[in-house]
Amino acid sequence: MKRHAPGACGVEGDGVTDHDRTGGPGWPRRPRRRGQGELEAQVLVALRRAPGPVTAAWVQERIEGELAYTTVMTILSRLHAKQAVTRERAGRSFVWRAASDEAGLAALRMRRVLDGQDDREAVLASFVTGLTQDDERLLRDLLSDVAEEPEG
């Protein structure tokens, strides 16, 4: 079987499969694909560690692997649409910051899931019945604390 040098393009019908070109025996392995949300998580970690609002280039320098600036901008824009980050104008571009800590972001995701359901009562009831006794006690305590707070 005719083989091309690693990195060379094959010719249709040359007997070299796409598997061979993408990491089969004798061929270099492709970098591992990141899991869904992994890049967003890395961006959020970088933003939470930032000294204040930072540029996309600052974020790009702190993300594992070599990402294109446009990829970082896409991730930041998606996080902005999810209200996970905020941005403000700085000249002709933006500076970015995490909108919340991890607990706040998890709560935001939970609210979005709940908001996407027709029967909120059923969803909440199902959620509560699935809690451990310790989590249920914690939730009751938190609800009690909120009820006792003066409005204003």
Protein backbone atom coordinates (compact mmCIF):
# COMPACT_ATOMS: atom_id res chain seq x y z
CA MET A 1 0.00 0.00 0.00
CA LYS A 2 1.31 3.40 -0.96
CA ARG A 3 1.74 5.75 2.00
CA HIS A 4 2.25 9.50 2.00
CA ALA A 5 4.53 11.31 4.37
CA PRO A 6 2.80 12.54 7.54
CA GLY A 7 1.10 15.84 6.86
CA ALA A 8 0.95 15.27 3.09
CA CYS A 9 -2.44 15.24 1.45
CA GLY A 10 -3.54 11.94 0.03
CA VAL A 11 -5.10 11.43 -3.35
CA GLU A 12 -8.51 9.88 -3.70
CA GLY A 13 -8.14 6.19 -4.39
CA ASP A 14 -4.55 6.01 -3.08
CA GLY A 15 -5.48 3.34 -0.54
CA VAL A 16 -4.73 5.57 2.43
CA THR A 17 -7.75 5.94 4.67
CA ASP A 18 -8.79 9.00 6.63
CA HIS A 19 -8.04 6.93 9.76
CA ASP A 20 -4.44 6.57 8.56
CA ARG A 21 -4.16 10.33 8.04
CA THR A 22 -5.61 11.13 11.45
CA GLY A 23 -3.61 8.96 13.76
CA GLY A 24 -3.47 5.44 12.43
CA PRO A 25 -0.22 3.47 12.59
CA GLY A 26 2.68 5.56 11.30
CA TRP A 27 0.75 8.81 11.34
CA PRO A 28 0.83 11.59 13.93
CA ARG A 29 -2.08 11.74 16.36
CA ARG A 30 -4.53 14.59 16.21
CA PRO A 31 -4.72 16.64 19.40
CA ARG A 32 -7.46 15.51 21.77
CA ARG A 33 -10.78 17.26 21.20
CA ARG A 34 -11.96 19.13 24.25
CA GLY A 35 -15.22 18.12 25.85
CA GLN A 36 -18.30 20.26 25.48
CA GLY A 37 -18.01 23.28 27.72
CA GLU A 38 -14.35 22.64 28.57
CA LEU A 39 -13.13 25.77 26.80
CA GLU A 40 -15.86 27.85 28.41
CA ALA A 41 -14.80 26.53 31.81
CA GLN A 42 -11.15 27.40 31.11
CA VAL A 43 -12.12 30.91 30.05
CA LEU A 44 -14.21 31.40 33.19
CA VAL A 45 -11.36 30.19 35.41
CA ALA A 46 -9.00 32.65 33.72
CA LEU A 47 -11.50 35.50 34.16
CA ARG A 48 -12.06 34.68 37.84
CA ARG A 49 -8.28 34.82 38.39
CA ALA A 50 -7.94 38.10 36.52
CA PRO A 51 -7.00 41.24 38.47
CA GLY A 52 -9.99 43.06 36.96
CA PRO A 53 -11.57 43.43 33.52
CA VAL A 54 -9.24 41.95 30.90
CA THR A 55 -8.96 41.76 27.13
CA ALA A 56 -9.59 38.68 25.01
CA ALA A 57 -5.85 38.61 24.26
CA TRP A 58 -5.14 38.39 28.01
CA VAL A 59 -7.53 35.44 28.26
CA GLN A 60 -6.01 33.82 25.16
CA GLU A 61 -2.54 33.85 26.76
CA ARG A 62 -3.81 31.98 29.81
CA ILE A 63 -5.79 29.19 28.14
CA GLU A 64 -4.18 25.76 27.72
CA GLY A 65 -3.32 24.92 24.14
CA GLU A 66 -2.91 27.36 21.33
CA LEU A 67 -6.27 28.90 20.55
CA ALA A 68 -6.91 31.43 17.83
CA TYR A 69 -7.96 34.87 19.00
CA THR A 70 -11.23 34.44 17.08
CA THR A 71 -11.95 31.22 19.01
CA VAL A 72 -11.49 33.04 22.32
CA MET A 73 -13.76 35.85 21.10
CA THR A 74 -16.42 33.30 20.10
CA ILE A 75 -16.27 31.66 23.54
CA LEU A 76 -16.48 35.04 25.29
CA SER A 77 -19.44 36.07 23.12
CA ARG A 78 -21.27 32.84 23.90
CA LEU A 79 -20.60 33.26 27.62
CA HIS A 80 -21.87 36.84 27.36
CA ALA A 81 -25.09 35.60 25.72
CA LYS A 82 -25.47 33.16 28.65
CA GLN A 83 -24.90 36.06 31.09
CA ALA A 84 -21.87 34.25 32.53
CA VAL A 85 -19.53 37.17 31.70
CA THR A 86 -19.90 40.91 31.40
CA ARG A 87 -18.12 43.21 28.99
CA GLU A 88 -17.52 46.90 28.74
CA ARG A 89 -16.12 49.07 25.99
CA ALA A 90 -12.45 49.92 26.17
CA GLY A 91 -11.61 51.95 23.09
CA ARG A 92 -12.57 49.95 20.01
CA SER A 93 -12.72 46.60 21.81
CA PHE A 94 -14.09 45.13 25.01
CA VAL A 95 -12.75 44.11 28.39
CA TRP A 96 -14.33 41.10 30.04
CA ARG A 97 -14.97 39.80 33.57
CA ALA A 98 -16.75 36.81 35.08
CA ALA A 99 -20.28 37.75 36.09
CA SER A 100 -20.23 35.53 39.15
CA ASP A 101 -18.31 32.90 41.08
CA GLU A 102 -18.80 29.17 40.42
CA ALA A 103 -21.77 28.90 42.78
CA GLY A 104 -23.47 31.83 41.08
CA LEU A 105 -22.87 30.36 37.63
CA ALA A 106 -24.27 26.98 38.74
CA ALA A 107 -27.36 28.76 40.11
CA LEU A 108 -27.76 30.61 36.81
CA ARG A 109 -27.65 27.29 34.91
CA MET A 110 -30.25 25.82 37.28
CA ARG A 111 -32.56 28.83 36.77
CA ARG A 112 -32.22 28.51 32.99
CA VAL A 113 -33.20 24.83 33.11
CA LEU A 114 -36.17 25.67 35.32
CA ASP A 115 -37.19 28.58 33.08
CA GLY A 116 -37.20 26.23 30.09
CA GLN A 117 -39.84 23.94 31.62
CA ASP A 118 -43.61 24.31 31.41
CA ASP A 119 -44.39 22.78 34.81
CA ARG A 120 -42.09 24.52 37.30
CA GLU A 121 -43.84 22.94 40.28
CA ALA A 122 -43.24 19.42 38.97
CA VAL A 123 -39.59 20.17 38.23
CA LEU A 124 -38.97 21.67 41.67
CA ALA A 125 -40.85 18.82 43.39
CA SER A 126 -38.75 16.28 41.51
CA PHE A 127 -35.58 18.14 42.38
CA VAL A 128 -36.42 18.37 46.09
CA THR A 129 -37.41 14.70 46.39
CA GLY A 130 -34.03 13.75 44.91
CA LEU A 131 -32.03 15.67 47.53
CA THR A 132 -30.12 13.96 50.30
CA GLN A 133 -31.35 14.62 53.84
CA ASP A 134 -28.40 16.93 54.44
CA ASP A 135 -29.07 18.93 51.26
CA GLU A 136 -32.78 19.11 52.07
CA ARG A 137 -31.98 20.43 55.56
CA LEU A 138 -29.60 22.98 54.06
CA LEU A 139 -32.23 24.12 51.56
CA ARG A 140 -34.82 24.49 54.35
CA ASP A 141 -32.35 26.54 56.42
CA LEU A 142 -31.56 28.79 53.45
CA LEU A 143 -35.25 29.33 52.69
CA SER A 144 -35.90 30.10 56.35
CA ASP A 145 -33.06 32.64 56.39
CA VAL A 146 -34.43 34.36 53.29
CA ALA A 147 -37.94 34.48 54.77
CA GLU A 148 -36.62 36.14 57.93
CA GLU A 149 -34.71 38.88 56.09
CA PRO A 150 -36.45 42.28 56.09
CA GLU A 151 -37.54 43.47 52.67
CA GLY A 152 -35.98 46.57 51.30
